[in-house]
Amino acid sequence: MRSEPKASFALRAAAVGGLLFLHVPLALIVLYAFTTEEKSFQFPPPGLTLHWFSVAWFDRPDIWGPLWLSVRVAVLATLIALVLGTLAAAALWRAKFYGKDSISLLFILPIALPGIITGIALRSAFDIMSIPFSTWTIVLGHATFCIVVVYNNALARFRRLSGSMIEASMDLGANGPQTFRHVVLPQIASALLAGGMLAFALSFDEVIVTTFTAGQQSTLPIWMLNELIRPRQRPVTNVVALFVIAVTFLPILAAYYLTREGEHTGGSGK
């Protein structure tokens, strides 16, 4: 019985080096959320404490406003993305016309553009239309890239969905909404949930587009940026960063497992 070939030492060392490069900075954030030193980053930290978690939770009310604004914006942007992204994916999946690939590219373009370009474009549009900055301007800004995430997930799942299942539903007397509810939606639900989780995570920690669309408002990432520029209690910022890591990592992890488990769609091989 032949054994599987093993990677060379150089290749394994390169893989370990890549992982360290990506994750050591995150580990430092975690470490300095527990440091006893308030104003500087000494390595190793002079001591470890849970004090800063208590400070962030009870003694810094300036955190709560940006936190709830970030949650509201992420939820609203995700809901908009789920509706528009799913409808767009369904339309392009079923339709056949000249220029279909170009339109699909236009849907994907916002997430490929640099955030500063999207931010400047949105700010200019709001100024031209005399739209005052509010929660909704931030939501619209975040929806531009959240829609792309949902669209990609939904379209990938639609492409694995057998058209014969829809035809059979119609032949049995179901109308469009009934077919979508009882046949299509169960097949794409996990993809939509994964897309929604990814969209929420992207919206929750977005900085650049928010800077151009928030006006005087401050989301949690903007609050963190301001705290880094004018630090009051450095470890508190790391505690909040640790919270943001958890909020974004868990939906991404769940989305990964949802999309992996949805690789085999019912009826896709018939």
C-alpha atoms as a PDB file:
ATOM      1  CA  MET A   1       0.000   0.000   0.000  1.00  0.00           C
ATOM      2  CA  ARG A   2       1.525   3.249  -1.143  1.00  0.00           C
ATOM      3  CA  SER A   3       1.848   6.056   1.383  1.00  0.00           C
ATOM      4  CA  GLU A   4       0.741   9.569   0.543  1.00  0.00           C
ATOM      5  CA  PRO A   5       3.628  11.814  -0.588  1.00  0.00           C
ATOM      6  CA  LYS A   6       4.733  14.271   2.063  1.00  0.00           C
ATOM      7  CA  ALA A   7       5.443  17.937   1.489  1.00  0.00           C
ATOM      8  CA  SER A   8       9.079  18.979   1.592  1.00  0.00           C
ATOM      9  CA  PHE A   9      10.493  20.701   4.655  1.00  0.00           C
ATOM     10  CA  ALA A  10      10.781  23.992   2.750  1.00  0.00           C
ATOM     11  CA  LEU A  11       7.122  23.848   1.720  1.00  0.00           C
ATOM     12  CA  ARG A  12       5.990  23.070   5.254  1.00  0.00           C
ATOM     13  CA  ALA A  13       8.179  25.855   6.637  1.00  0.00           C
ATOM     14  CA  ALA A  14       6.652  28.283   4.126  1.00  0.00           C
ATOM     15  CA  ALA A  15       3.139  27.242   5.179  1.00  0.00           C
ATOM     16  CA  VAL A  16       3.964  27.714   8.867  1.00  0.00           C
ATOM     17  CA  GLY A  17       5.564  31.070   8.106  1.00  0.00           C
ATOM     18  CA  GLY A  18       2.453  32.190   6.246  1.00  0.00           C
ATOM     19  CA  LEU A  19       0.195  31.194   9.131  1.00  0.00           C
ATOM     20  CA  LEU A  20       2.413  33.020  11.631  1.00  0.00           C
ATOM     21  CA  PHE A  21       2.471  36.125   9.451  1.00  0.00           C
ATOM     22  CA  LEU A  22      -1.323  36.148   9.329  1.00  0.00           C
ATOM     23  CA  HIS A  23      -2.120  35.284  12.931  1.00  0.00           C
ATOM     24  CA  VAL A  24       0.650  36.597  15.185  1.00  0.00           C
ATOM     25  CA  PRO A  25      -0.772  40.174  14.994  1.00  0.00           C
ATOM     26  CA  LEU A  26      -4.167  38.813  16.053  1.00  0.00           C
ATOM     27  CA  ALA A  27      -2.531  36.958  18.930  1.00  0.00           C
ATOM     28  CA  LEU A  28      -0.898  40.203  20.070  1.00  0.00           C
ATOM     29  CA  ILE A  29      -4.294  41.914  20.141  1.00  0.00           C
ATOM     30  CA  VAL A  30      -5.578  39.138  22.387  1.00  0.00           C
ATOM     31  CA  LEU A  31      -2.496  39.316  24.608  1.00  0.00           C
ATOM     32  CA  TYR A  32      -2.617  43.091  25.096  1.00  0.00           C
ATOM     33  CA  ALA A  33      -6.302  42.985  25.979  1.00  0.00           C
ATOM     34  CA  PHE A  34      -5.131  41.399  29.255  1.00  0.00           C
ATOM     35  CA  THR A  35      -2.057  43.541  30.003  1.00  0.00           C
ATOM     36  CA  THR A  36      -1.747  45.475  33.254  1.00  0.00           C
ATOM     37  CA  GLU A  37       0.079  48.317  31.463  1.00  0.00           C
ATOM     38  CA  GLU A  38      -2.244  51.116  30.330  1.00  0.00           C
ATOM     39  CA  LYS A  39      -0.183  53.443  28.144  1.00  0.00           C
ATOM     40  CA  SER A  40       2.465  51.407  26.341  1.00  0.00           C
ATOM     41  CA  PHE A  41       2.972  48.013  24.755  1.00  0.00           C
ATOM     42  CA  GLN A  42       5.728  46.219  26.623  1.00  0.00           C
ATOM     43  CA  PHE A  43       6.710  42.733  25.559  1.00  0.00           C
ATOM     44  CA  PRO A  44       6.212  40.587  27.406  1.00  0.00           C
ATOM     45  CA  PRO A  45       3.423  42.379  29.297  1.00  0.00           C
ATOM     46  CA  PRO A  46       4.364  43.169  32.897  1.00  0.00           C
ATOM     47  CA  GLY A  47       1.257  41.318  34.095  1.00  0.00           C
ATOM     48  CA  LEU A  48      -2.121  39.948  33.074  1.00  0.00           C
ATOM     49  CA  THR A  49      -5.538  41.093  34.261  1.00  0.00           C
ATOM     50  CA  LEU A  50      -9.242  41.012  33.383  1.00  0.00           C
ATOM     51  CA  HIS A  51      -9.617  44.599  34.593  1.00  0.00           C
ATOM     52  CA  TRP A  52      -9.974  46.110  31.124  1.00  0.00           C
ATOM     53  CA  PHE A  53     -12.946  43.929  30.276  1.00  0.00           C
ATOM     54  CA  SER A  54     -14.745  45.394  33.274  1.00  0.00           C
ATOM     55  CA  VAL A  55     -13.709  48.915  32.234  1.00  0.00           C
ATOM     56  CA  ALA A  56     -15.000  48.393  28.678  1.00  0.00           C
ATOM     57  CA  TRP A  57     -18.272  46.925  29.913  1.00  0.00           C
ATOM     58  CA  PHE A  58     -19.110  49.290  32.780  1.00  0.00           C
ATOM     59  CA  ASP A  59     -16.921  52.412  32.685  1.00  0.00           C
ATOM     60  CA  ARG A  60     -16.830  53.397  29.020  1.00  0.00           C
ATOM     61  CA  PRO A  61     -20.360  54.387  27.926  1.00  0.00           C
ATOM     62  CA  ASP A  62     -18.855  55.911  24.773  1.00  0.00           C
ATOM     63  CA  ILE A  63     -18.520  52.362  23.405  1.00  0.00           C
ATOM     64  CA  TRP A  64     -22.199  51.457  23.475  1.00  0.00           C
ATOM     65  CA  GLY A  65     -23.511  54.031  20.988  1.00  0.00           C
ATOM     66  CA  PRO A  66     -21.069  53.016  18.229  1.00  0.00           C
ATOM     67  CA  LEU A  67     -21.664  49.334  19.024  1.00  0.00           C
ATOM     68  CA  TRP A  68     -25.427  49.524  18.592  1.00  0.00           C
ATOM     69  CA  LEU A  69     -25.042  51.676  15.472  1.00  0.00           C
ATOM     70  CA  SER A  70     -22.755  49.028  13.966  1.00  0.00           C
ATOM     71  CA  VAL A  71     -25.251  46.279  14.809  1.00  0.00           C
ATOM     72  CA  ARG A  72     -28.195  48.228  13.323  1.00  0.00           C
ATOM     73  CA  VAL A  73     -26.306  49.064  10.158  1.00  0.00           C
ATOM     74  CA  ALA A  74     -25.064  45.485   9.700  1.00  0.00           C
ATOM     75  CA  VAL A  75     -28.555  44.028  10.193  1.00  0.00           C
ATOM     76  CA  LEU A  76     -30.225  46.471   7.786  1.00  0.00           C
ATOM     77  CA  ALA A  77     -27.506  46.155   5.152  1.00  0.00           C
ATOM     78  CA  THR A  78     -27.732  42.358   5.394  1.00  0.00           C
ATOM     79  CA  LEU A  79     -31.515  42.368   4.973  1.00  0.00           C
ATOM     80  CA  ILE A  80     -31.275  44.605   1.902  1.00  0.00           C
ATOM     81  CA  ALA A  81     -28.531  42.408   0.500  1.00  0.00           C
ATOM     82  CA  LEU A  82     -30.536  39.215   1.057  1.00  0.00           C
ATOM     83  CA  VAL A  83     -33.519  40.571  -0.871  1.00  0.00           C
ATOM     84  CA  LEU A  84     -31.726  42.290  -3.752  1.00  0.00           C
ATOM     85  CA  GLY A  85     -28.875  39.793  -4.029  1.00  0.00           C
ATOM     86  CA  THR A  86     -31.222  36.801  -4.144  1.00  0.00           C
ATOM     87  CA  LEU A  87     -33.552  38.407  -6.700  1.00  0.00           C
ATOM     88  CA  ALA A  88     -30.619  39.400  -8.906  1.00  0.00           C
ATOM     89  CA  ALA A  89     -29.121  35.904  -8.724  1.00  0.00           C
ATOM     90  CA  ALA A  90     -32.474  34.301  -9.551  1.00  0.00           C
ATOM     91  CA  ALA A  91     -33.004  36.620 -12.518  1.00  0.00           C
ATOM     92  CA  LEU A  92     -29.586  35.991 -14.030  1.00  0.00           C
ATOM     93  CA  TRP A  93     -29.786  32.263 -13.339  1.00  0.00           C
ATOM     94  CA  ARG A  94     -33.024  31.770 -15.290  1.00  0.00           C
ATOM     95  CA  ALA A  95     -32.553  34.388 -18.005  1.00  0.00           C
ATOM     96  CA  LYS A  96     -30.594  33.945 -21.224  1.00  0.00           C
ATOM     97  CA  PHE A  97     -29.737  37.089 -23.159  1.00  0.00           C
ATOM     98  CA  TYR A  98     -26.866  38.878 -24.812  1.00  0.00           C
ATOM     99  CA  GLY A  99     -24.668  40.726 -22.291  1.00  0.00           C
ATOM    100  CA  LYS A 100     -25.580  38.501 -19.351  1.00  0.00           C
ATOM    101  CA  ASP A 101     -21.929  38.052 -18.365  1.00  0.00           C
ATOM    102  CA  SER A 102     -21.364  41.803 -18.471  1.00  0.00           C
ATOM    103  CA  ILE A 103     -24.292  42.430 -16.125  1.00  0.00           C
ATOM    104  CA  SER A 104     -23.020  39.742 -13.775  1.00  0.00           C
ATOM    105  CA  LEU A 105     -19.635  41.489 -13.778  1.00  0.00           C
ATOM    106  CA  LEU A 106     -21.327  44.774 -12.859  1.00  0.00           C
ATOM    107  CA  PHE A 107     -22.901  43.097  -9.823  1.00  0.00           C
ATOM    108  CA  ILE A 108     -19.497  41.839  -8.656  1.00  0.00           C
ATOM    109  CA  LEU A 109     -17.620  45.076  -9.395  1.00  0.00           C
ATOM    110  CA  PRO A 110     -18.426  46.967  -6.135  1.00  0.00           C
ATOM    111  CA  ILE A 111     -16.535  44.460  -3.982  1.00  0.00           C
ATOM    112  CA  ALA A 112     -13.558  44.534  -6.360  1.00  0.00           C
ATOM    113  CA  LEU A 113     -13.245  48.323  -6.328  1.00  0.00           C
ATOM    114  CA  PRO A 114     -11.120  49.942  -3.618  1.00  0.00           C
ATOM    115  CA  GLY A 115     -13.274  51.051  -0.694  1.00  0.00           C
ATOM    116  CA  ILE A 116     -12.106  54.641  -1.034  1.00  0.00           C
ATOM    117  CA  ILE A 117     -13.476  54.782  -4.598  1.00  0.00           C
ATOM    118  CA  THR A 118     -16.848  53.466  -3.468  1.00  0.00           C
ATOM    119  CA  GLY A 119     -16.855  55.889  -0.538  1.00  0.00           C
ATOM    120  CA  ILE A 120     -16.068  58.937  -2.689  1.00  0.00           C
ATOM    121  CA  ALA A 121     -18.681  57.927  -5.265  1.00  0.00           C
ATOM    122  CA  LEU A 122     -21.383  57.483  -2.620  1.00  0.00           C
ATOM    123  CA  ARG A 123     -20.514  60.743  -0.868  1.00  0.00           C
ATOM    124  CA  SER A 124     -20.697  62.611  -4.179  1.00  0.00           C
ATOM    125  CA  ALA A 125     -24.051  61.012  -4.979  1.00  0.00           C
ATOM    126  CA  PHE A 126     -25.464  61.931  -1.563  1.00  0.00           C
ATOM    127  CA  ASP A 127     -24.241  65.518  -1.964  1.00  0.00           C
ATOM    128  CA  ILE A 128     -25.749  65.844  -5.446  1.00  0.00           C
ATOM    129  CA  MET A 129     -29.115  64.513  -4.250  1.00  0.00           C
ATOM    130  CA  SER A 130     -28.939  66.579  -1.032  1.00  0.00           C
ATOM    131  CA  ILE A 131     -29.321  63.471   1.121  1.00  0.00           C
ATOM    132  CA  PRO A 132     -28.237  64.233   4.719  1.00  0.00           C
ATOM    133  CA  PHE A 133     -25.914  61.809   6.447  1.00  0.00           C
ATOM    134  CA  SER A 134     -27.749  59.342   8.662  1.00  0.00           C
ATOM    135  CA  THR A 135     -27.858  55.684   9.568  1.00  0.00           C
ATOM    136  CA  TRP A 136     -29.389  55.024   6.169  1.00  0.00           C
ATOM    137  CA  THR A 137     -26.496  56.544   4.238  1.00  0.00           C
ATOM    138  CA  ILE A 138     -24.177  54.132   6.053  1.00  0.00           C
ATOM    139  CA  VAL A 139     -26.578  51.257   5.348  1.00  0.00           C
ATOM    140  CA  LEU A 140     -26.695  52.091   1.631  1.00  0.00           C
ATOM    141  CA  GLY A 141     -22.920  52.277   1.538  1.00  0.00           C
ATOM    142  CA  HIS A 142     -22.534  48.873   3.176  1.00  0.00           C
ATOM    143  CA  ALA A 143     -25.265  47.323   1.037  1.00  0.00           C
ATOM    144  CA  THR A 144     -23.164  47.966  -2.089  1.00  0.00           C
ATOM    145  CA  PHE A 145     -20.716  45.231  -1.154  1.00  0.00           C
ATOM    146  CA  CYS A 146     -23.069  43.089   0.963  1.00  0.00           C
ATOM    147  CA  ILE A 147     -25.271  42.522  -2.079  1.00  0.00           C
ATOM    148  CA  VAL A 148     -22.269  41.082  -3.922  1.00  0.00           C
ATOM    149  CA  VAL A 149     -21.638  38.503  -1.193  1.00  0.00           C
ATOM    150  CA  VAL A 150     -25.248  37.296  -1.156  1.00  0.00           C
ATOM    151  CA  TYR A 151     -25.435  37.385  -4.948  1.00  0.00           C
ATOM    152  CA  ASN A 152     -22.355  35.181  -5.351  1.00  0.00           C
ATOM    153  CA  ASN A 153     -23.560  32.642  -2.778  1.00  0.00           C
ATOM    154  CA  ALA A 154     -27.092  32.510  -4.153  1.00  0.00           C
ATOM    155  CA  LEU A 155     -25.992  32.257  -7.796  1.00  0.00           C
ATOM    156  CA  ALA A 156     -23.575  29.437  -7.020  1.00  0.00           C
ATOM    157  CA  ARG A 157     -26.370  27.483  -5.344  1.00  0.00           C
ATOM    158  CA  PHE A 158     -28.903  28.275  -8.089  1.00  0.00           C
ATOM    159  CA  ARG A 159     -26.512  26.833 -10.649  1.00  0.00           C
ATOM    160  CA  ARG A 160     -26.555  23.503  -8.793  1.00  0.00           C
ATOM    161  CA  LEU A 161     -30.354  23.502  -8.603  1.00  0.00           C
ATOM    162  CA  SER A 162     -32.055  21.265 -11.136  1.00  0.00           C
ATOM    163  CA  GLY A 163     -34.519  23.081 -13.371  1.00  0.00           C
ATOM    164  CA  SER A 164     -36.554  19.877 -13.646  1.00  0.00           C
ATOM    165  CA  MET A 165     -37.611  20.266  -9.998  1.00  0.00           C
ATOM    166  CA  ILE A 166     -39.189  23.619 -10.766  1.00  0.00           C
ATOM    167  CA  GLU A 167     -40.840  22.266 -13.908  1.00  0.00           C
ATOM    168  CA  ALA A 168     -42.248  19.340 -11.931  1.00  0.00           C
ATOM    169  CA  SER A 169     -43.640  21.728  -9.312  1.00  0.00           C
ATOM    170  CA  MET A 170     -45.333  23.786 -12.003  1.00  0.00           C
ATOM    171  CA  ASP A 171     -46.733  20.661 -13.676  1.00  0.00           C
ATOM    172  CA  LEU A 172     -48.275  19.676 -10.340  1.00  0.00           C
ATOM    173  CA  GLY A 173     -50.171  22.975 -10.214  1.00  0.00           C
ATOM    174  CA  ALA A 174     -47.969  25.135  -7.981  1.00  0.00           C
ATOM    175  CA  ASN A 175     -47.713  28.807  -8.872  1.00  0.00           C
ATOM    176  CA  GLY A 176     -44.506  30.877  -8.772  1.00  0.00           C
ATOM    177  CA  PRO A 177     -44.565  31.883  -5.079  1.00  0.00           C
ATOM    178  CA  GLN A 178     -45.518  28.345  -4.002  1.00  0.00           C
ATOM    179  CA  THR A 179     -42.695  26.845  -6.062  1.00  0.00           C
ATOM    180  CA  PHE A 180     -40.208  29.293  -4.604  1.00  0.00           C
ATOM    181  CA  ARG A 181     -41.368  28.654  -1.033  1.00  0.00           C
ATOM    182  CA  HIS A 182     -41.613  24.856  -1.140  1.00  0.00           C
ATOM    183  CA  VAL A 183     -39.015  23.876  -3.758  1.00  0.00           C
ATOM    184  CA  VAL A 184     -36.442  26.605  -4.378  1.00  0.00           C
ATOM    185  CA  LEU A 185     -36.069  28.167  -0.931  1.00  0.00           C
ATOM    186  CA  PRO A 186     -35.294  24.905   0.932  1.00  0.00           C
ATOM    187  CA  GLN A 187     -32.534  24.230  -1.611  1.00  0.00           C
ATOM    188  CA  ILE A 188     -30.890  27.661  -1.364  1.00  0.00           C
ATOM    189  CA  ALA A 189     -31.611  28.442   2.308  1.00  0.00           C
ATOM    190  CA  SER A 190     -28.176  27.456   3.622  1.00  0.00           C
ATOM    191  CA  ALA A 191     -26.462  29.495   0.889  1.00  0.00           C
ATOM    192  CA  LEU A 192     -28.571  32.539   1.769  1.00  0.00           C
ATOM    193  CA  LEU A 193     -27.841  32.086   5.465  1.00  0.00           C
ATOM    194  CA  ALA A 194     -24.118  31.816   4.722  1.00  0.00           C
ATOM    195  CA  GLY A 195     -24.248  34.878   2.471  1.00  0.00           C
ATOM    196  CA  GLY A 196     -26.144  36.818   5.113  1.00  0.00           C
ATOM    197  CA  MET A 197     -23.596  35.906   7.792  1.00  0.00           C
ATOM    198  CA  LEU A 198     -20.704  36.968   5.575  1.00  0.00           C
ATOM    199  CA  ALA A 199     -22.484  40.211   4.710  1.00  0.00           C
ATOM    200  CA  PHE A 200     -23.091  40.941   8.408  1.00  0.00           C
ATOM    201  CA  ALA A 201     -19.435  40.300   9.236  1.00  0.00           C
ATOM    202  CA  LEU A 202     -18.199  42.533   6.411  1.00  0.00           C
ATOM    203  CA  SER A 203     -20.571  45.327   7.367  1.00  0.00           C
ATOM    204  CA  PHE A 204     -19.846  45.149  11.084  1.00  0.00           C
ATOM    205  CA  ASP A 205     -16.118  45.811  10.718  1.00  0.00           C
ATOM    206  CA  GLU A 206     -16.142  48.122   7.658  1.00  0.00           C
ATOM    207  CA  VAL A 207     -14.159  51.374   7.999  1.00  0.00           C
ATOM    208  CA  ILE A 208     -13.352  53.071   4.686  1.00  0.00           C
ATOM    209  CA  VAL A 209     -16.824  53.334   3.118  1.00  0.00           C
ATOM    210  CA  THR A 210     -18.243  54.221   6.536  1.00  0.00           C
ATOM    211  CA  THR A 211     -15.818  57.136   6.848  1.00  0.00           C
ATOM    212  CA  PHE A 212     -17.328  58.736   3.721  1.00  0.00           C
ATOM    213  CA  THR A 213     -20.999  57.999   4.482  1.00  0.00           C
ATOM    214  CA  ALA A 214     -21.339  58.421   8.261  1.00  0.00           C
ATOM    215  CA  GLY A 215     -21.004  62.169   8.651  1.00  0.00           C
ATOM    216  CA  GLN A 216     -20.595  62.878  12.378  1.00  0.00           C
ATOM    217  CA  GLN A 217     -21.752  59.399  13.407  1.00  0.00           C
ATOM    218  CA  SER A 218     -19.349  56.801  14.716  1.00  0.00           C
ATOM    219  CA  THR A 219     -19.611  53.056  14.223  1.00  0.00           C
ATOM    220  CA  LEU A 220     -17.546  50.725  16.384  1.00  0.00           C
ATOM    221  CA  PRO A 221     -14.642  50.433  13.884  1.00  0.00           C
ATOM    222  CA  ILE A 222     -14.571  54.244  13.548  1.00  0.00           C
ATOM    223  CA  TRP A 223     -14.537  54.527  17.352  1.00  0.00           C
ATOM    224  CA  MET A 224     -11.573  52.138  17.461  1.00  0.00           C
ATOM    225  CA  LEU A 225      -9.719  54.160  14.824  1.00  0.00           C
ATOM    226  CA  ASN A 226     -10.258  57.362  16.809  1.00  0.00           C
ATOM    227  CA  GLU A 227      -9.065  55.640  19.986  1.00  0.00           C
ATOM    228  CA  LEU A 228      -5.848  54.590  18.271  1.00  0.00           C
ATOM    229  CA  ILE A 229      -5.222  58.162  17.148  1.00  0.00           C
ATOM    230  CA  ARG A 230      -6.036  59.689  20.544  1.00  0.00           C
ATOM    231  CA  PRO A 231      -5.614  56.811  22.999  1.00  0.00           C
ATOM    232  CA  ARG A 232      -7.158  57.005  26.461  1.00  0.00           C
ATOM    233  CA  GLN A 233      -6.822  53.444  27.669  1.00  0.00           C
ATOM    234  CA  ARG A 234      -5.007  51.330  25.079  1.00  0.00           C
ATOM    235  CA  PRO A 235      -6.043  47.927  26.475  1.00  0.00           C
ATOM    236  CA  VAL A 236      -9.734  48.885  26.205  1.00  0.00           C
ATOM    237  CA  THR A 237      -9.284  49.281  22.455  1.00  0.00           C
ATOM    238  CA  ASN A 238      -7.803  45.795  22.336  1.00  0.00           C
ATOM    239  CA  VAL A 239     -10.738  44.428  24.326  1.00  0.00           C
ATOM    240  CA  VAL A 240     -13.129  45.949  21.788  1.00  0.00           C
ATOM    241  CA  ALA A 241     -10.951  44.598  18.942  1.00  0.00           C
ATOM    242  CA  LEU A 242     -11.182  41.147  20.525  1.00  0.00           C
ATOM    243  CA  PHE A 243     -14.964  41.475  20.517  1.00  0.00           C
ATOM    244  CA  VAL A 244     -14.964  42.516  16.837  1.00  0.00           C
ATOM    245  CA  ILE A 245     -12.770  39.523  15.973  1.00  0.00           C
ATOM    246  CA  ALA A 246     -15.288  37.211  17.629  1.00  0.00           C
ATOM    247  CA  VAL A 247     -18.298  38.861  15.977  1.00  0.00           C
ATOM    248  CA  THR A 248     -16.747  38.594  12.512  1.00  0.00           C
ATOM    249  CA  PHE A 249     -15.005  35.232  12.906  1.00  0.00           C
ATOM    250  CA  LEU A 250     -18.022  33.250  14.094  1.00  0.00           C
ATOM    251  CA  PRO A 251     -20.315  34.160  11.142  1.00  0.00           C
ATOM    252  CA  ILE A 252     -17.490  33.468   8.685  1.00  0.00           C
ATOM    253  CA  LEU A 253     -16.847  30.080  10.294  1.00  0.00           C
ATOM    254  CA  ALA A 254     -20.562  29.248  10.208  1.00  0.00           C
ATOM    255  CA  ALA A 255     -20.790  30.370   6.570  1.00  0.00           C
ATOM    256  CA  TYR A 256     -17.871  28.103   5.690  1.00  0.00           C
ATOM    257  CA  TYR A 257     -19.580  25.031   7.129  1.00  0.00           C
ATOM    258  CA  LEU A 258     -22.955  25.946   5.633  1.00  0.00           C
ATOM    259  CA  THR A 259     -21.568  26.312   2.118  1.00  0.00           C
ATOM    260  CA  ARG A 260     -19.440  23.180   2.470  1.00  0.00           C
ATOM    261  CA  GLU A 261     -22.422  21.113   3.571  1.00  0.00           C
ATOM    262  CA  GLY A 262     -24.510  22.505   0.722  1.00  0.00           C
ATOM    263  CA  GLU A 263     -22.240  21.242  -2.052  1.00  0.00           C
ATOM    264  CA  HIS A 264     -24.723  18.483  -2.937  1.00  0.00           C
ATOM    265  CA  THR A 265     -28.047  20.059  -3.801  1.00  0.00           C
ATOM    266  CA  GLY A 266     -31.174  17.993  -4.090  1.00  0.00           C
ATOM    267  CA  GLY A 267     -32.035  17.070  -7.659  1.00  0.00           C
ATOM    268  CA  SER A 268     -28.802  18.534  -9.041  1.00  0.00           C
ATOM    269  CA  GLY A 269     -27.844  15.270 -10.672  1.00  0.00           C
ATOM    270  CA  LYS A 270     -31.169  14.569 -12.342  1.00  0.00           C
END
